Amino acid sequence: QVQLVESGGGLVQPGGSLRLSCAASGISVSLWAINWFRQTPGNQREWVAIITSGGNTNYRESVKGRFTISRDNAKNTVYLQMNSLKPEDTATYYCNRGGTWGQGTLVTVSS
């Protein structure tokens, strides 16, 4: 059974940083593309970033240059390093592989 567990969310001031983690079980993150999505209340979930099995990465335009997706194969974990955070980054962040979603971790950017 595939499980994804996010952690690392919290309250941060504008301009601050957070690193989210997505710990996987039941799959090897090195063999699959893993995505990060985010969602705010009343809105659709939106795609944020992807890391492919080959290690290629891509980002939504609004986070390019500020967010970095990476993985640690030994820990079977995918990360999302978020720098220069803005209030509009406030959302619940989810990691995803195919039809499998984690429970989400809340990021709040506020002074």
N, C-alpha and C. Protein backbone atom coordinates (compact mmCIF):
# COMPACT_ATOMS: atom_id res chain seq x y z
N GLN A 1 0.84 -1.19 0.00
CA GLN A 1 0.00 0.00 0.00
C GLN A 1 0.88 1.24 0.00
N VAL A 2 0.59 2.14 -0.94
CA VAL A 2 1.37 3.36 -1.06
C VAL A 2 0.86 4.40 -0.07
N GLN A 3 1.77 4.99 0.67
CA GLN A 3 1.40 6.08 1.57
C GLN A 3 2.39 7.22 1.41
N LEU A 4 1.86 8.43 1.49
CA LEU A 4 2.66 9.64 1.45
C LEU A 4 2.30 10.47 2.68
N VAL A 5 3.30 10.90 3.43
CA VAL A 5 3.05 11.66 4.66
C VAL A 5 3.84 12.96 4.60
N GLU A 6 3.12 14.08 4.58
CA GLU A 6 3.75 15.39 4.53
C GLU A 6 4.00 15.91 5.94
N SER A 7 5.03 16.74 6.06
CA SER A 7 5.32 17.43 7.31
C SER A 7 6.11 18.68 7.00
N GLY A 8 6.26 19.53 8.02
CA GLY A 8 7.11 20.70 7.87
C GLY A 8 6.38 22.02 7.73
N GLY A 9 5.06 21.96 7.65
CA GLY A 9 4.31 23.21 7.54
C GLY A 9 4.34 24.01 8.83
N GLY A 10 3.83 25.22 8.76
CA GLY A 10 3.78 26.06 9.94
C GLY A 10 3.51 27.51 9.58
N LEU A 11 3.70 28.37 10.57
CA LEU A 11 3.50 29.81 10.39
C LEU A 11 4.85 30.46 10.16
N VAL A 12 4.95 31.26 9.13
CA VAL A 12 6.21 31.93 8.81
C VAL A 12 5.90 33.35 8.34
N GLN A 13 6.80 34.26 8.61
CA GLN A 13 6.62 35.64 8.17
C GLN A 13 6.94 35.77 6.68
N PRO A 14 6.35 36.75 6.02
CA PRO A 14 6.71 37.01 4.62
C PRO A 14 8.22 37.18 4.48
N GLY A 15 8.76 36.56 3.43
CA GLY A 15 10.19 36.58 3.21
C GLY A 15 10.91 35.42 3.86
N GLY A 16 10.21 34.67 4.69
CA GLY A 16 10.83 33.54 5.38
C GLY A 16 10.89 32.28 4.54
N SER A 17 11.37 31.21 5.18
CA SER A 17 11.56 29.93 4.49
C SER A 17 10.96 28.79 5.30
N LEU A 18 10.58 27.76 4.58
CA LEU A 18 10.15 26.50 5.18
C LEU A 18 10.60 25.37 4.27
N ARG A 19 10.82 24.21 4.85
CA ARG A 19 11.08 23.02 4.04
C ARG A 19 10.04 21.98 4.37
N LEU A 20 9.28 21.59 3.37
CA LEU A 20 8.29 20.55 3.52
C LEU A 20 8.91 19.20 3.15
N SER A 21 8.45 18.17 3.83
CA SER A 21 8.90 16.81 3.55
C SER A 21 7.72 15.94 3.16
N CYS A 22 7.97 14.99 2.28
CA CYS A 22 6.97 14.01 1.88
C CYS A 22 7.64 12.64 2.00
N ALA A 23 7.32 11.94 3.07
CA ALA A 23 7.90 10.62 3.31
C ALA A 23 7.02 9.56 2.66
N ALA A 24 7.63 8.73 1.83
CA ALA A 24 6.87 7.73 1.10
C ALA A 24 7.12 6.34 1.65
N SER A 25 6.08 5.51 1.58
CA SER A 25 6.21 4.09 1.87
C SER A 25 5.39 3.33 0.83
N GLY A 26 5.84 2.15 0.52
CA GLY A 26 5.15 1.34 -0.48
C GLY A 26 5.63 1.59 -1.90
N ILE A 27 6.40 2.64 -2.09
CA ILE A 27 7.02 2.93 -3.39
C ILE A 27 8.41 3.48 -3.13
N SER A 28 9.22 3.45 -4.18
CA SER A 28 10.52 4.09 -4.11
C SER A 28 10.43 5.42 -4.85
N VAL A 29 10.69 6.52 -4.17
CA VAL A 29 10.55 7.84 -4.80
C VAL A 29 11.51 8.00 -5.97
N SER A 30 12.56 7.20 -6.02
CA SER A 30 13.52 7.33 -7.12
C SER A 30 12.96 6.77 -8.43
N LEU A 31 11.88 6.02 -8.36
CA LEU A 31 11.34 5.35 -9.54
C LEU A 31 10.09 6.03 -10.10
N TRP A 32 9.60 7.03 -9.40
CA TRP A 32 8.33 7.65 -9.79
C TRP A 32 8.43 9.17 -9.78
N ALA A 33 7.63 9.79 -10.62
CA ALA A 33 7.49 11.23 -10.55
C ALA A 33 6.63 11.58 -9.35
N ILE A 34 7.08 12.52 -8.57
CA ILE A 34 6.36 12.99 -7.39
C ILE A 34 6.05 14.48 -7.57
N ASN A 35 4.82 14.83 -7.27
CA ASN A 35 4.37 16.22 -7.39
C ASN A 35 4.08 16.83 -6.02
N TRP A 36 4.17 18.14 -5.96
CA TRP A 36 3.60 18.92 -4.87
C TRP A 36 2.44 19.75 -5.45
N PHE A 37 1.34 19.75 -4.73
CA PHE A 37 0.20 20.57 -5.05
C PHE A 37 -0.11 21.43 -3.82
N ARG A 38 -0.96 22.44 -4.00
CA ARG A 38 -1.44 23.22 -2.85
C ARG A 38 -2.89 23.62 -3.08
N GLN A 39 -3.56 23.89 -1.98
CA GLN A 39 -4.98 24.22 -2.05
C GLN A 39 -5.35 25.17 -0.93
N THR A 40 -6.14 26.18 -1.29
CA THR A 40 -6.71 27.08 -0.30
C THR A 40 -8.21 26.84 -0.25
N PRO A 41 -8.84 27.17 0.88
CA PRO A 41 -10.29 26.91 1.03
C PRO A 41 -11.10 27.53 -0.09
N GLY A 42 -11.98 26.74 -0.68
CA GLY A 42 -12.86 27.24 -1.72
C GLY A 42 -12.26 27.24 -3.10
N ASN A 43 -11.01 26.82 -3.20
CA ASN A 43 -10.32 26.82 -4.50
C ASN A 43 -9.88 25.42 -4.88
N GLN A 44 -9.64 25.26 -6.18
CA GLN A 44 -9.15 23.96 -6.65
C GLN A 44 -7.70 23.76 -6.25
N ARG A 45 -7.35 22.52 -6.11
CA ARG A 45 -5.95 22.18 -5.85
C ARG A 45 -5.12 22.58 -7.07
N GLU A 46 -3.98 23.22 -6.86
CA GLU A 46 -3.14 23.64 -7.97
C GLU A 46 -1.76 23.02 -7.87
N TRP A 47 -1.25 22.68 -9.03
CA TRP A 47 0.05 22.04 -9.10
C TRP A 47 1.14 23.06 -8.80
N VAL A 48 2.18 22.61 -8.07
CA VAL A 48 3.27 23.49 -7.68
C VAL A 48 4.59 23.08 -8.30
N ALA A 49 4.93 21.79 -8.19
CA ALA A 49 6.25 21.36 -8.65
C ALA A 49 6.23 19.85 -8.88
N ILE A 50 7.20 19.41 -9.68
CA ILE A 50 7.36 17.98 -9.96
C ILE A 50 8.84 17.63 -10.00
N ILE A 51 9.16 16.43 -9.53
CA ILE A 51 10.47 15.85 -9.75
C ILE A 51 10.23 14.49 -10.39
N THR A 52 10.85 14.27 -11.54
CA THR A 52 10.65 13.03 -12.28
C THR A 52 11.58 11.94 -11.77
N SER A 53 11.35 10.73 -12.26
CA SER A 53 12.23 9.62 -11.87
C SER A 53 13.66 9.89 -12.31
N GLY A 54 13.83 10.63 -13.38
CA GLY A 54 15.17 10.97 -13.85
C GLY A 54 15.79 12.16 -13.14
N GLY A 55 15.04 12.75 -12.23
CA GLY A 55 15.57 13.88 -11.46
C GLY A 55 15.30 15.24 -12.08
N ASN A 56 14.57 15.26 -13.18
CA ASN A 56 14.22 16.55 -13.77
C ASN A 56 13.14 17.22 -12.92
N THR A 57 13.18 18.54 -12.89
CA THR A 57 12.23 19.29 -12.08
C THR A 57 11.52 20.36 -12.91
N ASN A 58 10.35 20.73 -12.46
CA ASN A 58 9.61 21.81 -13.10
C ASN A 58 8.71 22.45 -12.06
N TYR A 59 8.35 23.71 -12.29
CA TYR A 59 7.62 24.49 -11.29
C TYR A 59 6.55 25.35 -11.94
N ARG A 60 5.51 25.65 -11.17
CA ARG A 60 4.56 26.63 -11.65
C ARG A 60 5.27 27.98 -11.68
N GLU A 61 4.83 28.83 -12.56
CA GLU A 61 5.55 30.08 -12.81
C GLU A 61 5.70 30.93 -11.57
N SER A 62 4.69 30.97 -10.74
CA SER A 62 4.70 31.89 -9.60
C SER A 62 5.69 31.50 -8.50
N VAL A 63 6.23 30.28 -8.55
CA VAL A 63 7.17 29.85 -7.51
C VAL A 63 8.57 29.65 -8.06
N LYS A 64 8.75 29.78 -9.37
CA LYS A 64 10.08 29.60 -9.95
C LYS A 64 11.07 30.57 -9.34
N GLY A 65 12.24 30.06 -9.00
CA GLY A 65 13.28 30.88 -8.39
C GLY A 65 13.15 30.98 -6.88
N ARG A 66 12.02 30.55 -6.33
CA ARG A 66 11.82 30.61 -4.88
C ARG A 66 11.69 29.22 -4.26
N PHE A 67 11.10 28.29 -4.96
CA PHE A 67 10.89 26.93 -4.46
C PHE A 67 11.84 25.97 -5.16
N THR A 68 12.28 24.95 -4.42
CA THR A 68 13.12 23.91 -4.99
C THR A 68 12.62 22.55 -4.53
N ILE A 69 12.36 21.67 -5.47
CA ILE A 69 11.96 20.30 -5.15
C ILE A 69 13.17 19.40 -5.28
N SER A 70 13.31 18.48 -4.34
CA SER A 70 14.45 17.57 -4.35
C SER A 70 14.02 16.27 -3.68
N ARG A 71 14.92 15.29 -3.72
CA ARG A 71 14.59 14.04 -3.04
C ARG A 71 15.85 13.43 -2.45
N ASP A 72 15.63 12.62 -1.43
CA ASP A 72 16.69 11.84 -0.79
C ASP A 72 16.29 10.38 -0.94
N ASN A 73 16.93 9.69 -1.86
CA ASN A 73 16.54 8.31 -2.14
C ASN A 73 16.75 7.41 -0.93
N ALA A 74 17.80 7.66 -0.17
CA ALA A 74 18.09 6.83 1.00
C ALA A 74 16.99 6.95 2.06
N LYS A 75 16.43 8.15 2.17
CA LYS A 75 15.35 8.38 3.14
C LYS A 75 13.97 8.19 2.51
N ASN A 76 13.95 7.94 1.20
CA ASN A 76 12.70 7.76 0.46
C ASN A 76 11.76 8.94 0.70
N THR A 77 12.32 10.12 0.61
CA THR A 77 11.59 11.35 0.94
C THR A 77 11.81 12.40 -0.14
N VAL A 78 10.75 13.13 -0.44
CA VAL A 78 10.82 14.26 -1.37
C VAL A 78 10.61 15.53 -0.55
N TYR A 79 11.36 16.56 -0.90
CA TYR A 79 11.31 17.82 -0.17
C TYR A 79 10.83 18.95 -1.08
N LEU A 80 10.29 19.98 -0.44
CA LEU A 80 9.99 21.22 -1.13
C LEU A 80 10.55 22.35 -0.27
N GLN A 81 11.68 22.89 -0.72
CA GLN A 81 12.29 24.03 -0.03
C GLN A 81 11.63 25.29 -0.55
N MET A 82 11.05 26.06 0.34
CA MET A 82 10.32 27.27 -0.04
C MET A 82 10.99 28.48 0.59
N ASN A 83 11.51 29.35 -0.25
CA ASN A 83 12.18 30.58 0.20
C ASN A 83 11.39 31.80 -0.25
N SER A 84 11.72 32.92 0.34
CA SER A 84 11.07 34.19 -0.03
C SER A 84 9.55 34.03 -0.07
N LEU A 85 9.02 33.45 0.98
CA LEU A 85 7.59 33.15 1.00
C LEU A 85 6.75 34.41 1.00
N LYS A 86 5.60 34.32 0.35
CA LYS A 86 4.66 35.42 0.22
C LYS A 86 3.32 35.02 0.84
N PRO A 87 2.52 35.98 1.26
CA PRO A 87 1.20 35.62 1.81
C PRO A 87 0.37 34.77 0.84
N GLU A 88 0.54 34.98 -0.44
CA GLU A 88 -0.24 34.19 -1.41
C GLU A 88 0.23 32.75 -1.52
N ASP A 89 1.32 32.41 -0.86
CA ASP A 89 1.75 31.00 -0.79
C ASP A 89 1.02 30.24 0.31
N THR A 90 0.25 30.96 1.12
CA THR A 90 -0.52 30.31 2.18
C THR A 90 -1.47 29.28 1.59
N ALA A 91 -1.38 28.05 2.06
CA ALA A 91 -2.20 26.95 1.53
C ALA A 91 -1.87 25.69 2.30
N THR A 92 -2.70 24.67 2.08
CA THR A 92 -2.33 23.33 2.50
C THR A 92 -1.60 22.67 1.34
N TYR A 93 -0.43 22.14 1.62
CA TYR A 93 0.42 21.55 0.60
C TYR A 93 0.34 20.03 0.67
N TYR A 94 0.20 19.43 -0.51
CA TYR A 94 0.05 17.98 -0.62
C TYR A 94 1.10 17.42 -1.56
N CYS A 95 1.62 16.25 -1.24
CA CYS A 95 2.41 15.54 -2.23
C CYS A 95 1.55 14.46 -2.87
N ASN A 96 1.97 14.08 -4.06
CA ASN A 96 1.11 13.25 -4.89
C ASN A 96 1.93 12.36 -5.80
N ARG A 97 1.47 11.12 -5.95
CA ARG A 97 1.99 10.22 -6.97
C ARG A 97 0.80 9.48 -7.55
N GLY A 98 0.47 9.79 -8.77
CA GLY A 98 -0.68 9.16 -9.40
C GLY A 98 -1.94 9.47 -8.62
N GLY A 99 -2.65 8.43 -8.20
CA GLY A 99 -3.89 8.63 -7.45
C GLY A 99 -3.71 8.70 -5.95
N THR A 100 -2.49 8.72 -5.49
CA THR A 100 -2.20 8.72 -4.06
C THR A 100 -1.85 10.12 -3.59
N TRP A 101 -2.51 10.54 -2.51
CA TRP A 101 -2.29 11.85 -1.91
C TRP A 101 -1.96 11.68 -0.44
N GLY A 102 -1.14 12.59 0.05
CA GLY A 102 -0.93 12.65 1.49
C GLY A 102 -2.06 13.40 2.15
N GLN A 103 -1.93 13.60 3.46
CA GLN A 103 -2.97 14.27 4.23
C GLN A 103 -2.82 15.79 4.19
N GLY A 104 -1.69 16.25 3.73
CA GLY A 104 -1.44 17.69 3.60
C GLY A 104 -0.77 18.28 4.83
N THR A 105 -0.08 19.39 4.60
CA THR A 105 0.52 20.14 5.69
C THR A 105 0.26 21.62 5.43
N LEU A 106 -0.18 22.33 6.46
CA LEU A 106 -0.62 23.72 6.30
C LEU A 106 0.56 24.68 6.41
N VAL A 107 0.66 25.55 5.43
CA VAL A 107 1.64 26.63 5.42
C VAL A 107 0.89 27.95 5.50
N THR A 108 1.23 28.75 6.49
CA THR A 108 0.62 30.07 6.65
C THR A 108 1.72 31.12 6.63
N VAL A 109 1.61 32.03 5.68
CA VAL A 109 2.60 33.11 5.55
C VAL A 109 1.91 34.41 5.97
N SER A 110 2.30 34.91 7.12
CA SER A 110 1.63 36.09 7.66
C SER A 110 2.53 36.78 8.66
N SER A 111 2.39 38.10 8.73
CA SER A 111 3.12 38.86 9.73
C SER A 111 2.27 39.05 10.97
